[in-house]
Amino acid sequence: MYQICRRGDKWYIRKAPDTIFNPTEYQMRQRIAFGEISRYVKEEFGKLHPYERALIIGELMRGKRFGRTPKLKKWQILAMQELGLTEEQVKEIEKLLLSVKI
């Protein structure tokens, strides 16, 4: 799947991120929170112009944190690709390497 993006005055086509259909745990949490706040705004303020609703939701969402998906280090990714290791095995190797006293 592809999407049309705009950066400044230029438009371009790029491959859509996989997280559109397979969101991370933290993206799901954020989407659920957004839906709950949106429902609250709709019930509390009634019918609003979409721009007004977006401003209110933006203010209510400000400062909320839902977590971060940890990224693997470059050497971990290379080890997984070159040696055929799993993520758990690579993390275990890292623990062993860090525990070595020199």
Protein backbone atom coordinates (compact mmCIF):
# COMPACT_ATOMS: atom_id res chain seq x y z
CA MET A 1 0.00 0.00 0.00
CA TYR A 2 1.22 3.50 -0.78
CA GLN A 3 0.30 6.94 0.49
CA ILE A 4 0.61 10.45 -0.89
CA CYS A 5 2.66 12.76 1.34
CA ARG A 6 3.40 16.44 1.29
CA ARG A 7 6.55 18.07 2.56
CA GLY A 8 6.53 21.83 2.03
CA ASP A 9 5.42 22.47 -1.52
CA LYS A 10 6.44 19.06 -2.83
CA TRP A 11 4.17 16.03 -3.07
CA TYR A 12 5.48 12.49 -3.29
CA ILE A 13 4.38 8.86 -3.01
CA ARG A 14 5.86 6.56 -0.40
CA LYS A 15 5.25 3.10 0.98
CA ALA A 16 2.75 3.28 3.84
CA PRO A 17 4.14 2.25 7.22
CA ASP A 18 3.29 -1.25 8.44
CA THR A 19 1.93 0.22 11.68
CA ILE A 20 -1.17 1.49 9.85
CA PHE A 21 -2.64 -2.01 10.00
CA ASN A 22 -0.43 -3.55 12.73
CA PRO A 23 -0.04 -0.83 15.38
CA THR A 24 2.33 -1.23 18.28
CA GLU A 25 0.96 -1.63 21.81
CA TYR A 26 1.61 2.04 22.55
CA GLN A 27 -0.05 3.22 19.33
CA MET A 28 -3.14 1.20 20.29
CA ARG A 29 -3.18 2.82 23.72
CA GLN A 30 -2.90 6.27 22.14
CA ARG A 31 -5.71 5.56 19.67
CA ILE A 32 -7.98 4.30 22.45
CA ALA A 33 -7.26 7.38 24.57
CA PHE A 34 -7.93 9.64 21.58
CA GLY A 35 -11.28 7.93 20.99
CA GLU A 36 -12.27 8.26 24.65
CA ILE A 37 -11.35 11.95 24.74
CA SER A 38 -13.14 12.53 21.45
CA ARG A 39 -16.29 10.89 22.83
CA TYR A 40 -16.03 13.01 26.00
CA VAL A 41 -15.71 16.23 23.96
CA LYS A 42 -18.69 15.27 21.81
CA GLU A 43 -20.86 14.56 24.87
CA GLU A 44 -19.66 17.59 26.84
CA PHE A 45 -19.70 20.27 24.14
CA GLY A 46 -22.23 18.91 21.66
CA LYS A 47 -21.88 19.66 17.98
CA LEU A 48 -18.74 21.65 17.19
CA HIS A 49 -16.89 22.63 14.07
CA PRO A 50 -14.19 19.99 13.37
CA TYR A 51 -11.46 22.60 13.85
CA GLU A 52 -12.80 23.56 17.29
CA ARG A 53 -13.10 19.90 18.29
CA ALA A 54 -9.50 19.25 17.14
CA LEU A 55 -8.22 22.17 19.24
CA ILE A 56 -10.00 20.92 22.38
CA ILE A 57 -8.85 17.32 21.86
CA GLY A 58 -5.31 18.54 21.22
CA GLU A 59 -5.30 20.43 24.51
CA LEU A 60 -6.66 17.43 26.42
CA MET A 61 -4.11 15.08 24.81
CA ARG A 62 -1.16 17.42 25.46
CA GLY A 63 1.48 15.90 27.70
CA LYS A 64 0.06 12.38 27.66
CA ARG A 65 2.65 9.67 27.13
CA PHE A 66 1.82 6.13 26.14
CA GLY A 67 5.27 4.56 26.03
CA ARG A 68 7.89 3.91 23.44
CA THR A 69 8.67 0.81 21.44
CA PRO A 70 12.33 0.00 22.12
CA LYS A 71 14.50 -0.22 19.02
CA LEU A 72 17.29 -2.73 18.66
CA LYS A 73 20.84 -1.51 18.29
CA LYS A 74 22.44 -1.83 14.88
CA TRP A 75 24.77 -4.66 15.96
CA GLN A 76 21.77 -6.57 17.33
CA ILE A 77 19.93 -6.32 14.01
CA LEU A 78 23.04 -7.43 12.11
CA ALA A 79 23.53 -10.37 14.49
CA MET A 80 19.94 -11.45 13.95
CA GLN A 81 20.31 -11.24 10.16
CA GLU A 82 23.79 -12.72 9.79
CA LEU A 83 23.64 -15.41 12.49
CA GLY A 84 19.95 -16.19 12.36
CA LEU A 85 19.44 -15.42 16.06
CA THR A 86 16.19 -14.45 17.72
CA GLU A 87 15.73 -11.17 19.57
CA GLU A 88 15.81 -12.98 22.92
CA GLN A 89 19.11 -14.68 22.05
CA VAL A 90 20.68 -11.38 21.06
CA LYS A 91 19.58 -9.75 24.32
CA GLU A 92 21.00 -12.70 26.28
CA ILE A 93 24.33 -12.30 24.46
CA GLU A 94 24.34 -8.61 25.34
CA LYS A 95 23.80 -9.45 29.03
CA LEU A 96 26.70 -11.91 28.93
CA LEU A 97 28.98 -9.41 27.22
CA LEU A 98 28.15 -6.70 29.74
CA SER A 99 28.76 -9.01 32.68
CA VAL A 100 32.34 -9.85 31.59
CA LYS A 101 34.94 -8.15 33.79
CA ILE A 102 38.11 -7.04 32.08
